[in-house]
Protein backbone atom coordinates (compact mmCIF):
# COMPACT_ATOMS: atom_id res chain seq x y z
CA UNK A 1 0.00 0.00 0.00
CA UNK A 2 1.38 3.39 -1.01
CA UNK A 3 1.67 6.35 1.35
CA UNK A 4 -0.29 9.26 -0.13
CA UNK A 5 1.68 12.49 0.15
CA UNK A 6 1.07 16.15 -0.62
CA UNK A 7 3.90 18.67 -1.17
CA UNK A 8 3.38 22.35 -0.35
CA UNK A 9 5.95 25.03 -1.07
CA UNK A 10 5.77 28.46 -2.66
CA UNK A 11 9.00 27.81 -4.58
CA UNK A 12 8.63 25.50 -7.59
CA UNK A 13 12.27 24.37 -7.54
CA UNK A 14 11.83 23.14 -3.93
CA UNK A 15 8.78 21.12 -5.00
CA UNK A 16 10.73 19.67 -7.92
CA UNK A 17 13.72 18.75 -5.74
CA UNK A 18 11.60 17.10 -3.05
CA UNK A 19 9.61 15.25 -5.68
CA UNK A 20 12.83 13.92 -7.22
CA UNK A 21 14.29 12.88 -3.86
CA UNK A 22 11.13 11.06 -2.86
CA UNK A 23 10.90 9.35 -6.23
CA UNK A 24 14.50 8.12 -5.98
CA UNK A 25 14.57 7.15 -2.31
CA UNK A 26 11.03 6.42 -1.17
CA UNK A 27 9.16 4.30 -3.72
CA UNK A 28 6.41 3.65 -1.15
CA UNK A 29 5.46 7.36 -1.22
CA UNK A 30 3.02 8.45 -3.91
CA UNK A 31 2.73 12.19 -4.45
CA UNK A 32 -0.95 12.78 -5.11
CA UNK A 33 -0.81 16.58 -5.37
CA UNK A 34 1.33 19.68 -4.97
CA UNK A 35 0.40 23.23 -4.04
CA UNK A 36 2.13 26.60 -4.20
CA UNK A 37 0.24 28.27 -1.35
CA UNK A 38 -1.81 27.56 1.74
CA UNK A 39 -5.20 28.13 0.11
CA UNK A 40 -4.52 25.61 -2.66
CA UNK A 41 -3.17 23.22 -0.07
CA UNK A 42 -6.26 23.41 2.13
CA UNK A 43 -8.56 22.23 -0.66
CA UNK A 44 -6.04 19.56 -1.76
CA UNK A 45 -5.79 18.16 1.78
CA UNK A 46 -9.56 18.03 2.12
CA UNK A 47 -9.90 16.37 -1.30
CA UNK A 48 -7.09 13.78 -1.13
CA UNK A 49 -6.94 13.01 2.61
CA UNK A 50 -3.15 12.38 2.49
CA UNK A 51 -1.18 10.26 4.94
CA UNK A 52 1.82 12.58 4.80
CA UNK A 53 2.16 16.33 4.15
CA UNK A 54 5.44 18.11 3.40
CA UNK A 55 4.55 21.65 4.41
CA UNK A 56 6.62 24.80 3.93
CA UNK A 57 6.25 27.01 6.99
CA UNK A 58 7.16 30.41 5.47
CA UNK A 59 4.78 31.25 2.63
CA UNK A 60 3.17 34.47 1.47
CA UNK A 61 -0.20 35.40 3.01
CA UNK A 62 -0.70 32.34 5.26
CA UNK A 63 2.11 30.32 6.77
CA UNK A 64 2.05 26.57 7.34
CA UNK A 65 0.79 26.91 10.91
CA UNK A 66 -2.08 29.15 9.77
CA UNK A 67 -3.02 26.46 7.30
CA UNK A 68 -3.04 23.73 9.95
CA UNK A 69 -5.21 25.88 12.24
CA UNK A 70 -7.69 26.46 9.40
CA UNK A 71 -8.39 22.75 8.93
CA UNK A 72 -11.42 21.36 10.77
CA UNK A 73 -9.27 18.36 11.71
CA UNK A 74 -6.41 16.42 10.23
CA UNK A 75 -4.99 12.94 10.45
CA UNK A 76 -1.64 13.07 8.66
CA UNK A 77 2.01 13.19 9.57
PDB file of N, CA and C in Angstrom:
ATOM      1  N   UNK A   1       0.849  -1.190   0.000  1.00  0.00           N
ATOM      2  CA  UNK A   1       0.000   0.000   0.000  1.00  0.00           C
ATOM      3  C   UNK A   1       0.890   1.248   0.000  1.00  0.00           C
ATOM      4  N   UNK A   2       0.600   2.150  -0.887  1.00  0.00           N
ATOM      5  CA  UNK A   2       1.377   3.393  -1.015  1.00  0.00           C
ATOM      6  C   UNK A   2       0.966   4.396   0.060  1.00  0.00           C
ATOM      7  N   UNK A   3       1.917   5.230   0.443  1.00  0.00           N
ATOM      8  CA  UNK A   3       1.673   6.346   1.350  1.00  0.00           C
ATOM      9  C   UNK A   3       1.333   7.557   0.487  1.00  0.00           C
ATOM     10  N   UNK A   4       0.122   8.090   0.648  1.00  0.00           N
ATOM     11  CA  UNK A   4      -0.290   9.261  -0.127  1.00  0.00           C
ATOM     12  C   UNK A   4       0.308  10.518   0.494  1.00  0.00           C
ATOM     13  N   UNK A   5       1.018  11.287  -0.340  1.00  0.00           N
ATOM     14  CA  UNK A   5       1.679  12.494   0.153  1.00  0.00           C
ATOM     15  C   UNK A   5       1.282  13.717  -0.669  1.00  0.00           C
ATOM     16  N   UNK A   6       1.310  14.849   0.002  1.00  0.00           N
ATOM     17  CA  UNK A   6       1.072  16.154  -0.617  1.00  0.00           C
ATOM     18  C   UNK A   6       2.290  17.021  -0.317  1.00  0.00           C
ATOM     19  N   UNK A   7       2.757  17.764  -1.325  1.00  0.00           N
ATOM     20  CA  UNK A   7       3.899  18.668  -1.172  1.00  0.00           C
ATOM     21  C   UNK A   7       3.404  20.103  -1.289  1.00  0.00           C
ATOM     22  N   UNK A   8       3.785  20.948  -0.331  1.00  0.00           N
ATOM     23  CA  UNK A   8       3.377  22.351  -0.347  1.00  0.00           C
ATOM     24  C   UNK A   8       4.596  23.232  -0.152  1.00  0.00           C
ATOM     25  N   UNK A   9       4.848  24.069  -1.142  1.00  0.00           N
ATOM     26  CA  UNK A   9       5.950  25.030  -1.066  1.00  0.00           C
ATOM     27  C   UNK A   9       5.679  26.124  -2.080  1.00  0.00           C
ATOM     28  N   UNK A  10       5.998  27.362  -1.740  1.00  0.00           N
ATOM     29  CA  UNK A  10       5.766  28.465  -2.660  1.00  0.00           C
ATOM     30  C   UNK A  10       6.882  28.600  -3.697  1.00  0.00           C
ATOM     31  N   UNK A  11       7.913  27.776  -3.608  1.00  0.00           N
ATOM     32  CA  UNK A  11       9.004  27.806  -4.580  1.00  0.00           C
ATOM     33  C   UNK A  11       8.984  26.509  -5.401  1.00  0.00           C
ATOM     34  N   UNK A  12       8.772  26.653  -6.698  1.00  0.00           N
ATOM     35  CA  UNK A  12       8.626  25.504  -7.593  1.00  0.00           C
ATOM     36  C   UNK A  12       9.867  24.609  -7.577  1.00  0.00           C
ATOM     37  N   UNK A  13      11.060  25.210  -7.533  1.00  0.00           N
ATOM     38  CA  UNK A  13      12.268  24.374  -7.541  1.00  0.00           C
ATOM     39  C   UNK A  13      12.373  23.513  -6.284  1.00  0.00           C
ATOM     40  N   UNK A  14      11.855  23.967  -5.145  1.00  0.00           N
ATOM     41  CA  UNK A  14      11.831  23.140  -3.935  1.00  0.00           C
ATOM     42  C   UNK A  14      10.877  21.964  -4.101  1.00  0.00           C
ATOM     43  N   UNK A  15       9.728  22.215  -4.718  1.00  0.00           N
ATOM     44  CA  UNK A  15       8.779  21.123  -5.000  1.00  0.00           C
ATOM     45  C   UNK A  15       9.410  20.092  -5.931  1.00  0.00           C
ATOM     46  N   UNK A  16      10.082  20.574  -6.965  1.00  0.00           N
ATOM     47  CA  UNK A  16      10.729  19.672  -7.924  1.00  0.00           C
ATOM     48  C   UNK A  16      11.815  18.831  -7.249  1.00  0.00           C
ATOM     49  N   UNK A  17      12.640  19.467  -6.426  1.00  0.00           N
ATOM     50  CA  UNK A  17      13.720  18.747  -5.741  1.00  0.00           C
ATOM     51  C   UNK A  17      13.181  17.693  -4.778  1.00  0.00           C
ATOM     52  N   UNK A  18      12.180  18.055  -3.994  1.00  0.00           N
ATOM     53  CA  UNK A  18      11.601  17.103  -3.053  1.00  0.00           C
ATOM     54  C   UNK A  18      10.932  15.949  -3.787  1.00  0.00           C
ATOM     55  N   UNK A  19      10.247  16.272  -4.857  1.00  0.00           N
ATOM     56  CA  UNK A  19       9.605  15.245  -5.678  1.00  0.00           C
ATOM     57  C   UNK A  19      10.650  14.255  -6.197  1.00  0.00           C
ATOM     58  N   UNK A  20      11.757  14.759  -6.702  1.00  0.00           N
ATOM     59  CA  UNK A  20      12.832  13.920  -7.221  1.00  0.00           C
ATOM     60  C   UNK A  20      13.440  13.047  -6.121  1.00  0.00           C
ATOM     61  N   UNK A  21      13.722  13.640  -4.964  1.00  0.00           N
ATOM     62  CA  UNK A  21      14.293  12.883  -3.856  1.00  0.00           C
ATOM     63  C   UNK A  21      13.361  11.771  -3.378  1.00  0.00           C
ATOM     64  N   UNK A  22      12.089  12.079  -3.277  1.00  0.00           N
ATOM     65  CA  UNK A  22      11.131  11.055  -2.855  1.00  0.00           C
ATOM     66  C   UNK A  22      11.019   9.951  -3.895  1.00  0.00           C
ATOM     67  N   UNK A  23      11.004  10.333  -5.148  1.00  0.00           N
ATOM     68  CA  UNK A  23      10.903   9.351  -6.225  1.00  0.00           C
ATOM     69  C   UNK A  23      12.095   8.396  -6.211  1.00  0.00           C
ATOM     70  N   UNK A  24      13.273   8.930  -5.987  1.00  0.00           N
ATOM     71  CA  UNK A  24      14.500   8.124  -5.979  1.00  0.00           C
ATOM     72  C   UNK A  24      14.657   7.258  -4.729  1.00  0.00           C
ATOM     73  N   UNK A  25      14.248   7.790  -3.586  1.00  0.00           N
ATOM     74  CA  UNK A  25      14.568   7.155  -2.307  1.00  0.00           C
ATOM     75  C   UNK A  25      13.395   6.555  -1.537  1.00  0.00           C
ATOM     76  N   UNK A  26      12.194   6.886  -1.921  1.00  0.00           N
ATOM     77  CA  UNK A  26      11.025   6.425  -1.165  1.00  0.00           C
ATOM     78  C   UNK A  26       9.936   5.938  -2.128  1.00  0.00           C
ATOM     79  N   UNK A  27      10.135   4.783  -2.739  1.00  0.00           N
ATOM     80  CA  UNK A  27       9.160   4.302  -3.719  1.00  0.00           C
ATOM     81  C   UNK A  27       7.784   4.033  -3.118  1.00  0.00           C
ATOM     82  N   UNK A  28       7.707   3.896  -1.800  1.00  0.00           N
ATOM     83  CA  UNK A  28       6.413   3.652  -1.154  1.00  0.00           C
ATOM     84  C   UNK A  28       5.573   4.922  -1.021  1.00  0.00           C
ATOM     85  N   UNK A  29       6.178   6.078  -1.312  1.00  0.00           N
ATOM     86  CA  UNK A  29       5.463   7.356  -1.215  1.00  0.00           C
ATOM     87  C   UNK A  29       4.947   7.756  -2.595  1.00  0.00           C
ATOM     88  N   UNK A  30       3.648   7.976  -2.675  1.00  0.00           N
ATOM     89  CA  UNK A  30       3.017   8.447  -3.915  1.00  0.00           C
ATOM     90  C   UNK A  30       2.583   9.893  -3.712  1.00  0.00           C
ATOM     91  N   UNK A  31       3.112  10.783  -4.529  1.00  0.00           N
ATOM     92  CA  UNK A  31       2.730  12.195  -4.447  1.00  0.00           C
ATOM     93  C   UNK A  31       1.431  12.371  -5.221  1.00  0.00           C
ATOM     94  N   UNK A  32       0.369  12.664  -4.485  1.00  0.00           N
ATOM     95  CA  UNK A  32      -0.948  12.779  -5.105  1.00  0.00           C
ATOM     96  C   UNK A  32      -1.255  14.196  -5.557  1.00  0.00           C
ATOM     97  N   UNK A  33      -0.562  15.196  -4.975  1.00  0.00           N
ATOM     98  CA  UNK A  33      -0.810  16.581  -5.366  1.00  0.00           C
ATOM     99  C   UNK A  33       0.283  17.482  -4.818  1.00  0.00           C
ATOM    100  N   UNK A  34       0.436  18.643  -5.460  1.00  0.00           N
ATOM    101  CA  UNK A  34       1.334  19.682  -4.973  1.00  0.00           C
ATOM    102  C   UNK A  34       0.563  20.998  -4.936  1.00  0.00           C
ATOM    103  N   UNK A  35       1.040  21.915  -4.125  1.00  0.00           N
ATOM    104  CA  UNK A  35       0.405  23.231  -4.038  1.00  0.00           C
ATOM    105  C   UNK A  35       1.483  24.286  -3.828  1.00  0.00           C
ATOM    106  N   UNK A  36       1.191  25.488  -4.311  1.00  0.00           N
ATOM    107  CA  UNK A  36       2.128  26.603  -4.201  1.00  0.00           C
ATOM    108  C   UNK A  36       1.780  27.573  -3.082  1.00  0.00           C
ATOM    109  N   UNK A  37       0.624  27.390  -2.452  1.00  0.00           N
ATOM    110  CA  UNK A  37       0.244  28.272  -1.354  1.00  0.00           C
ATOM    111  C   UNK A  37      -0.733  27.562  -0.420  1.00  0.00           C
ATOM    112  N   UNK A  38      -0.986  28.177   0.711  1.00  0.00           N
ATOM    113  CA  UNK A  38      -1.812  27.557   1.744  1.00  0.00           C
ATOM    114  C   UNK A  38      -3.256  27.357   1.301  1.00  0.00           C
ATOM    115  N   UNK A  39      -3.811  28.284   0.550  1.00  0.00           N
ATOM    116  CA  UNK A  39      -5.200  28.132   0.115  1.00  0.00           C
ATOM    117  C   UNK A  39      -5.379  26.934  -0.810  1.00  0.00           C
ATOM    118  N   UNK A  40      -4.469  26.790  -1.786  1.00  0.00           N
ATOM    119  CA  UNK A  40      -4.518  25.610  -2.660  1.00  0.00           C
ATOM    120  C   UNK A  40      -4.375  24.348  -1.826  1.00  0.00           C
ATOM    121  N   UNK A  41      -3.466  24.383  -0.888  1.00  0.00           N
ATOM    122  CA  UNK A  41      -3.172  23.223  -0.069  1.00  0.00           C
ATOM    123  C   UNK A  41      -4.385  22.791   0.745  1.00  0.00           C
ATOM    124  N   UNK A  42      -5.090  23.729   1.298  1.00  0.00           N
ATOM    125  CA  UNK A  42      -6.257  23.407   2.127  1.00  0.00           C
ATOM    126  C   UNK A  42      -7.248  22.566   1.345  1.00  0.00           C
ATOM    127  N   UNK A  43      -7.590  22.989   0.139  1.00  0.00           N
ATOM    128  CA  UNK A  43      -8.559  22.231  -0.657  1.00  0.00           C
ATOM    129  C   UNK A  43      -7.994  20.878  -1.089  1.00  0.00           C
ATOM    130  N   UNK A  44      -6.691  20.827  -1.372  1.00  0.00           N
ATOM    131  CA  UNK A  44      -6.045  19.563  -1.757  1.00  0.00           C
ATOM    132  C   UNK A  44      -6.067  18.575  -0.590  1.00  0.00           C
ATOM    133  N   UNK A  45      -5.763  19.039   0.601  1.00  0.00           N
ATOM    134  CA  UNK A  45      -5.787  18.158   1.777  1.00  0.00           C
ATOM    135  C   UNK A  45      -7.193  17.615   2.001  1.00  0.00           C
ATOM    136  N   UNK A  46      -8.190  18.478   1.914  1.00  0.00           N
ATOM    137  CA  UNK A  46      -9.564  18.031   2.117  1.00  0.00           C
ATOM    138  C   UNK A  46     -10.001  17.048   1.027  1.00  0.00           C
ATOM    139  N   UNK A  47      -9.533  17.252  -0.197  1.00  0.00           N
ATOM    140  CA  UNK A  47      -9.904  16.372  -1.303  1.00  0.00           C
ATOM    141  C   UNK A  47      -9.201  15.022  -1.240  1.00  0.00           C
ATOM    142  N   UNK A  48      -7.879  15.010  -1.019  1.00  0.00           N
ATOM    143  CA  UNK A  48      -7.089  13.782  -1.132  1.00  0.00           C
ATOM    144  C   UNK A  48      -6.897  13.022   0.181  1.00  0.00           C
ATOM    145  N   UNK A  49      -7.134  13.663   1.319  1.00  0.00           N
ATOM    146  CA  UNK A  49      -6.940  13.010   2.615  1.00  0.00           C
ATOM    147  C   UNK A  49      -5.579  12.287   2.681  1.00  0.00           C
ATOM    148  N   UNK A  50      -4.469  13.015   2.546  1.00  0.00           N
ATOM    149  CA  UNK A  50      -3.149  12.382   2.494  1.00  0.00           C
ATOM    150  C   UNK A  50      -2.732  11.775   3.836  1.00  0.00           C
ATOM    151  N   UNK A  51      -1.780  10.854   3.746  1.00  0.00           N
ATOM    152  CA  UNK A  51      -1.178  10.257   4.939  1.00  0.00           C
ATOM    153  C   UNK A  51      -0.011  11.102   5.439  1.00  0.00           C
ATOM    154  N   UNK A  52       0.592  11.842   4.517  1.00  0.00           N
ATOM    155  CA  UNK A  52       1.821  12.576   4.798  1.00  0.00           C
ATOM    156  C   UNK A  52       1.776  13.920   4.064  1.00  0.00           C
ATOM    157  N   UNK A  53       2.139  14.991   4.762  1.00  0.00           N
ATOM    158  CA  UNK A  53       2.165  16.327   4.155  1.00  0.00           C
ATOM    159  C   UNK A  53       3.537  16.949   4.398  1.00  0.00           C
ATOM    160  N   UNK A  54       4.185  17.342   3.319  1.00  0.00           N
ATOM    161  CA  UNK A  54       5.436  18.107   3.399  1.00  0.00           C
ATOM    162  C   UNK A  54       5.033  19.570   3.255  1.00  0.00           C
ATOM    163  N   UNK A  55       5.120  20.312   4.347  1.00  0.00           N
ATOM    164  CA  UNK A  55       4.546  21.654   4.410  1.00  0.00           C
ATOM    165  C   UNK A  55       5.614  22.702   4.679  1.00  0.00           C
ATOM    166  N   UNK A  56       5.742  23.641   3.736  1.00  0.00           N
ATOM    167  CA  UNK A  56       6.618  24.796   3.929  1.00  0.00           C
ATOM    168  C   UNK A  56       5.984  25.679   5.000  1.00  0.00           C
ATOM    169  N   UNK A  57       6.777  26.165   5.919  1.00  0.00           N
ATOM    170  CA  UNK A  57       6.249  27.011   6.992  1.00  0.00           C
ATOM    171  C   UNK A  57       6.134  28.461   6.534  1.00  0.00           C
ATOM    172  N   UNK A  58       7.164  29.008   5.908  1.00  0.00           N
ATOM    173  CA  UNK A  58       7.164  30.405   5.475  1.00  0.00           C
ATOM    174  C   UNK A  58       6.637  30.531   4.048  1.00  0.00           C
ATOM    175  N   UNK A  59       5.400  31.004   3.935  1.00  0.00           N
ATOM    176  CA  UNK A  59       4.785  31.246   2.628  1.00  0.00           C
ATOM    177  C   UNK A  59       4.094  32.603   2.665  1.00  0.00           C
ATOM    178  N   UNK A  60       3.887  33.199   1.500  1.00  0.00           N
ATOM    179  CA  UNK A  60       3.175  34.475   1.471  1.00  0.00           C
ATOM    180  C   UNK A  60       1.731  34.315   1.970  1.00  0.00           C
ATOM    181  N   UNK A  61       1.174  35.350   2.494  1.00  0.00           N
ATOM    182  CA  UNK A  61      -0.197  35.398   3.012  1.00  0.00           C
ATOM    183  C   UNK A  61      -0.345  34.543   4.263  1.00  0.00           C
ATOM    184  N   UNK A  62      -0.566  33.239   4.114  1.00  0.00           N
ATOM    185  CA  UNK A  62      -0.704  32.341   5.258  1.00  0.00           C
ATOM    186  C   UNK A  62       0.547  31.489   5.372  1.00  0.00           C
ATOM    187  N   UNK A  63       0.986  31.242   6.604  1.00  0.00           N
ATOM    188  CA  UNK A  63       2.107  30.320   6.766  1.00  0.00           C
ATOM    189  C   UNK A  63       1.560  28.911   7.035  1.00  0.00           C
ATOM    190  N   UNK A  64       2.460  27.959   7.148  1.00  0.00           N
ATOM    191  CA  UNK A  64       2.051  26.574   7.335  1.00  0.00           C
ATOM    192  C   UNK A  64       1.224  26.347   8.594  1.00  0.00           C
ATOM    193  N   UNK A  65       1.556  27.057   9.678  1.00  0.00           N
ATOM    194  CA  UNK A  65       0.794  26.909  10.913  1.00  0.00           C
ATOM    195  C   UNK A  65      -0.612  27.485  10.775  1.00  0.00           C
ATOM    196  N   UNK A  66      -0.748  28.598  10.046  1.00  0.00           N
ATOM    197  CA  UNK A  66      -2.079  29.155   9.771  1.00  0.00           C
ATOM    198  C   UNK A  66      -2.929  28.126   9.026  1.00  0.00           C
ATOM    199  N   UNK A  67      -2.302  27.470   8.069  1.00  0.00           N
ATOM    200  CA  UNK A  67      -3.015  26.456   7.299  1.00  0.00           C
ATOM    201  C   UNK A  67      -3.512  25.337   8.210  1.00  0.00           C
ATOM    202  N   UNK A  68      -2.638  24.817   9.052  1.00  0.00           N
ATOM    203  CA  UNK A  68      -3.040  23.733   9.946  1.00  0.00           C
ATOM    204  C   UNK A  68      -4.189  24.162  10.865  1.00  0.00           C
ATOM    205  N   UNK A  69      -4.127  25.384  11.364  1.00  0.00           N
ATOM    206  CA  UNK A  69      -5.207  25.884  12.238  1.00  0.00           C
ATOM    207  C   UNK A  69      -6.525  26.043  11.486  1.00  0.00           C
ATOM    208  N   UNK A  70      -6.473  26.240  10.170  1.00  0.00           N
ATOM    209  CA  UNK A  70      -7.689  26.460   9.398  1.00  0.00           C
ATOM    210  C   UNK A  70      -8.423  25.156   9.051  1.00  0.00           C
ATOM    211  N   UNK A  71      -7.750  24.033   9.236  1.00  0.00           N
ATOM    212  CA  UNK A  71      -8.386  22.747   8.930  1.00  0.00           C
ATOM    213  C   UNK A  71      -9.326  22.335  10.062  1.00  0.00           C
ATOM    214  N   UNK A  72     -10.493  21.786   9.718  1.00  0.00           N
ATOM    215  CA  UNK A  72     -11.420  21.365  10.767  1.00  0.00           C
ATOM    216  C   UNK A  72     -10.803  20.263  11.638  1.00  0.00           C
ATOM    217  N   UNK A  73     -10.045  19.390  11.026  1.00  0.00           N
ATOM    218  CA  UNK A  73      -9.273  18.357  11.715  1.00  0.00           C
ATOM    219  C   UNK A  73      -8.321  17.770  10.695  1.00  0.00           C
ATOM    220  N   UNK A  74      -7.317  17.083  11.158  1.00  0.00           N
ATOM    221  CA  UNK A  74      -6.412  16.422  10.234  1.00  0.00           C
ATOM    222  C   UNK A  74      -5.810  15.178  10.865  1.00  0.00           C
ATOM    223  N   UNK A  75      -5.521  14.223  10.003  1.00  0.00           N
ATOM    224  CA  UNK A  75      -4.990  12.938  10.446  1.00  0.00           C
ATOM    225  C   UNK A  75      -3.855  12.534   9.508  1.00  0.00           C
ATOM    226  N   UNK A  76      -2.807  13.346   9.485  1.00  0.00           N
ATOM    227  CA  UNK A  76      -1.641  13.066   8.662  1.00  0.00           C
ATOM    228  C   UNK A  76      -0.386  13.429   9.430  1.00  0.00           C
ATOM    229  N   UNK A  77       0.725  12.871   8.969  1.00  0.00           N
ATOM    230  CA  UNK A  77       2.005  13.187   9.573  1.00  0.00           C
ATOM    231  C   UNK A  77       2.656  14.322   8.806  1.00  0.00           C
TER     232      UNK A  77
END
